[in-house]
Amino acid sequence: MIEEVDMMDQMNDFLYQLKRHMQYTSELRDAYEKLPVEQKEIVKNASPRKESPEDLSKHAYQWHDNLFKVVDK
């Protein structure tokens, strides 16, 4: 029983960190949106996957939503 509680605490910690990640990616996306087009291209091209912060934000929110569906079952 203690192991199960430990695992849930670890999952809750992960979910908390994921929520923080979502917040940070949203802030990053907001800052990105304020850049001129040329600077947006520089930022996007510097990304390992050539993704914008908007893409990162979408991934974070989808990850969060998918994980909550599984955990809440």
N, C-alpha and C. Protein backbone atom coordinates (compact mmCIF):
# COMPACT_ATOMS: atom_id res chain seq x y z
N MET A 1 0.82 -1.19 0.00
CA MET A 1 0.00 0.00 0.00
C MET A 1 0.86 1.26 0.00
N ILE A 2 1.95 1.22 0.76
CA ILE A 2 2.85 2.37 0.82
C ILE A 2 3.47 2.64 -0.54
N GLU A 3 3.84 1.56 -1.27
CA GLU A 3 4.41 1.73 -2.60
C GLU A 3 3.42 2.42 -3.53
N GLU A 4 2.15 2.06 -3.43
CA GLU A 4 1.13 2.67 -4.28
C GLU A 4 1.01 4.16 -3.97
N VAL A 5 1.05 4.53 -2.70
CA VAL A 5 1.00 5.93 -2.30
C VAL A 5 2.22 6.66 -2.83
N ASP A 6 3.40 6.04 -2.71
CA ASP A 6 4.63 6.62 -3.23
C ASP A 6 4.52 6.88 -4.73
N MET A 7 3.98 5.90 -5.45
CA MET A 7 3.85 6.04 -6.90
C MET A 7 2.89 7.17 -7.25
N MET A 8 1.82 7.31 -6.50
CA MET A 8 0.87 8.41 -6.76
C MET A 8 1.50 9.75 -6.43
N ASP A 9 2.30 9.80 -5.36
CA ASP A 9 2.99 11.04 -5.03
C ASP A 9 3.95 11.42 -6.15
N GLN A 10 4.63 10.42 -6.69
CA GLN A 10 5.55 10.69 -7.79
C GLN A 10 4.79 11.14 -9.03
N MET A 11 3.65 10.52 -9.29
CA MET A 11 2.84 10.93 -10.44
C MET A 11 2.30 12.34 -10.23
N ASN A 12 1.84 12.63 -9.03
CA ASN A 12 1.35 13.98 -8.74
C ASN A 12 2.46 15.01 -8.89
N ASP A 13 3.66 14.65 -8.50
CA ASP A 13 4.80 15.55 -8.68
C ASP A 13 5.05 15.77 -10.17
N PHE A 14 5.00 14.69 -10.94
CA PHE A 14 5.20 14.83 -12.39
C PHE A 14 4.11 15.71 -13.00
N LEU A 15 2.88 15.49 -12.62
CA LEU A 15 1.77 16.30 -13.15
C LEU A 15 1.94 17.77 -12.78
N TYR A 16 2.41 18.02 -11.57
CA TYR A 16 2.67 19.39 -11.15
C TYR A 16 3.75 20.02 -12.03
N GLN A 17 4.83 19.27 -12.27
CA GLN A 17 5.91 19.78 -13.11
C GLN A 17 5.45 19.98 -14.56
N LEU A 18 4.60 19.08 -15.04
CA LEU A 18 4.06 19.21 -16.39
C LEU A 18 3.20 20.47 -16.50
N LYS A 19 2.42 20.73 -15.47
CA LYS A 19 1.59 21.95 -15.47
C LYS A 19 2.49 23.19 -15.50
N ARG A 20 3.58 23.16 -14.75
CA ARG A 20 4.53 24.28 -14.79
C ARG A 20 5.14 24.42 -16.18
N HIS A 21 5.44 23.27 -16.79
CA HIS A 21 5.98 23.27 -18.15
C HIS A 21 4.98 23.92 -19.12
N MET A 22 3.72 23.61 -18.95
CA MET A 22 2.68 24.22 -19.79
C MET A 22 2.66 25.73 -19.61
N GLN A 23 2.78 26.17 -18.38
CA GLN A 23 2.79 27.61 -18.11
C GLN A 23 3.99 28.29 -18.76
N TYR A 24 5.16 27.65 -18.63
CA TYR A 24 6.37 28.23 -19.22
C TYR A 24 6.30 28.24 -20.74
N THR A 25 5.78 27.17 -21.33
CA THR A 25 5.69 27.17 -22.79
C THR A 25 4.67 28.20 -23.28
N SER A 26 3.64 28.45 -22.49
CA SER A 26 2.67 29.50 -22.84
C SER A 26 3.33 30.87 -22.79
N GLU A 27 4.13 31.10 -21.77
CA GLU A 27 4.85 32.38 -21.66
C GLU A 27 5.85 32.53 -22.81
N LEU A 28 6.52 31.45 -23.14
CA LEU A 28 7.47 31.47 -24.25
C LEU A 28 6.75 31.77 -25.56
N ARG A 29 5.60 31.13 -25.75
CA ARG A 29 4.79 31.38 -26.95
C ARG A 29 4.37 32.84 -27.03
N ASP A 30 3.94 33.40 -25.90
CA ASP A 30 3.53 34.80 -25.88
C ASP A 30 4.68 35.72 -26.26
N ALA A 31 5.87 35.45 -25.73
CA ALA A 31 7.04 36.26 -26.05
C ALA A 31 7.41 36.11 -27.53
N TYR A 32 7.29 34.89 -28.04
CA TYR A 32 7.58 34.61 -29.45
C TYR A 32 6.63 35.40 -30.35
N GLU A 33 5.37 35.44 -29.99
CA GLU A 33 4.38 36.14 -30.82
C GLU A 33 4.66 37.63 -30.94
N LYS A 34 5.39 38.21 -30.01
CA LYS A 34 5.70 39.63 -30.05
C LYS A 34 6.91 39.95 -30.94
N LEU A 35 7.62 38.91 -31.38
CA LEU A 35 8.80 39.11 -32.22
C LEU A 35 8.41 39.47 -33.64
N PRO A 36 9.27 40.24 -34.33
CA PRO A 36 9.04 40.47 -35.76
C PRO A 36 9.22 39.15 -36.53
N VAL A 37 8.66 39.08 -37.71
CA VAL A 37 8.66 37.86 -38.52
C VAL A 37 10.08 37.30 -38.70
N GLU A 38 11.03 38.18 -38.98
CA GLU A 38 12.41 37.72 -39.21
C GLU A 38 12.97 37.03 -37.98
N GLN A 39 12.71 37.59 -36.81
CA GLN A 39 13.21 36.99 -35.57
C GLN A 39 12.48 35.70 -35.24
N LYS A 40 11.21 35.64 -35.59
CA LYS A 40 10.47 34.39 -35.39
C LYS A 40 11.11 33.26 -36.21
N GLU A 41 11.51 33.57 -37.43
CA GLU A 41 12.16 32.57 -38.28
C GLU A 41 13.49 32.12 -37.69
N ILE A 42 14.24 33.06 -37.14
CA ILE A 42 15.52 32.73 -36.50
C ILE A 42 15.28 31.77 -35.33
N VAL A 43 14.31 32.09 -34.50
CA VAL A 43 13.99 31.26 -33.34
C VAL A 43 13.54 29.87 -33.80
N LYS A 44 12.65 29.83 -34.76
CA LYS A 44 12.12 28.56 -35.25
C LYS A 44 13.22 27.72 -35.89
N ASN A 45 14.08 28.33 -36.68
CA ASN A 45 15.15 27.60 -37.34
C ASN A 45 16.22 27.11 -36.37
N ALA A 46 16.32 27.73 -35.21
CA ALA A 46 17.28 27.30 -34.19
C ALA A 46 16.75 26.10 -33.39
N SER A 47 15.47 25.85 -33.48
CA SER A 47 14.86 24.74 -32.76
C SER A 47 15.33 23.42 -33.35
N PRO A 48 15.62 22.42 -32.51
CA PRO A 48 16.07 21.12 -33.04
C PRO A 48 15.10 20.50 -34.05
N ARG A 49 13.82 20.74 -33.86
CA ARG A 49 12.81 20.17 -34.78
C ARG A 49 12.20 21.22 -35.68
N LYS A 50 12.77 22.41 -35.67
CA LYS A 50 12.25 23.53 -36.48
C LYS A 50 10.81 23.86 -36.11
N GLU A 51 10.52 23.76 -34.80
CA GLU A 51 9.17 24.05 -34.30
C GLU A 51 9.16 25.40 -33.61
N SER A 52 8.03 26.03 -33.64
CA SER A 52 7.87 27.29 -32.93
C SER A 52 7.46 27.03 -31.49
N PRO A 53 7.60 28.01 -30.62
CA PRO A 53 7.10 27.85 -29.26
C PRO A 53 5.59 27.56 -29.22
N GLU A 54 4.87 27.97 -30.23
CA GLU A 54 3.45 27.64 -30.30
C GLU A 54 3.27 26.12 -30.41
N ASP A 55 4.12 25.49 -31.23
CA ASP A 55 4.06 24.02 -31.35
C ASP A 55 4.39 23.36 -30.02
N LEU A 56 5.42 23.86 -29.34
CA LEU A 56 5.80 23.31 -28.04
C LEU A 56 4.66 23.43 -27.05
N SER A 57 3.99 24.55 -27.07
CA SER A 57 2.86 24.77 -26.17
C SER A 57 1.73 23.79 -26.47
N LYS A 58 1.45 23.58 -27.74
CA LYS A 58 0.40 22.63 -28.12
C LYS A 58 0.75 21.22 -27.65
N HIS A 59 2.03 20.84 -27.82
CA HIS A 59 2.47 19.51 -27.37
C HIS A 59 2.30 19.36 -25.86
N ALA A 60 2.69 20.39 -25.12
CA ALA A 60 2.60 20.34 -23.66
C ALA A 60 1.15 20.18 -23.22
N TYR A 61 0.24 20.95 -23.83
CA TYR A 61 -1.17 20.86 -23.45
C TYR A 61 -1.77 19.51 -23.83
N GLN A 62 -1.37 18.98 -24.98
CA GLN A 62 -1.88 17.66 -25.40
C GLN A 62 -1.36 16.56 -24.47
N TRP A 63 -0.09 16.65 -24.12
CA TRP A 63 0.53 15.68 -23.20
C TRP A 63 -0.23 15.70 -21.87
N HIS A 64 -0.47 16.90 -21.36
CA HIS A 64 -1.19 17.08 -20.11
C HIS A 64 -2.58 16.46 -20.19
N ASP A 65 -3.31 16.79 -21.24
CA ASP A 65 -4.68 16.28 -21.39
C ASP A 65 -4.71 14.77 -21.52
N ASN A 66 -3.80 14.22 -22.32
CA ASN A 66 -3.75 12.76 -22.49
C ASN A 66 -3.41 12.06 -21.18
N LEU A 67 -2.46 12.60 -20.46
CA LEU A 67 -2.06 11.98 -19.20
C LEU A 67 -3.18 12.03 -18.17
N PHE A 68 -3.88 13.15 -18.10
CA PHE A 68 -4.99 13.25 -17.15
C PHE A 68 -6.10 12.27 -17.47
N LYS A 69 -6.34 12.00 -18.74
CA LYS A 69 -7.34 11.01 -19.12
C LYS A 69 -6.99 9.64 -18.57
N VAL A 70 -5.72 9.30 -18.62
CA VAL A 70 -5.25 7.99 -18.15
C VAL A 70 -5.26 7.94 -16.62
N VAL A 71 -4.78 8.97 -16.00
CA VAL A 71 -4.64 9.00 -14.53
C VAL A 71 -6.00 9.07 -13.84
N ASP A 72 -6.93 9.77 -14.44
CA ASP A 72 -8.25 9.95 -13.83
C ASP A 72 -9.15 8.72 -13.95
N LYS A 73 -8.72 7.70 -14.67
CA LYS A 73 -9.56 6.50 -14.84
C LYS A 73 -9.67 5.73 -13.56
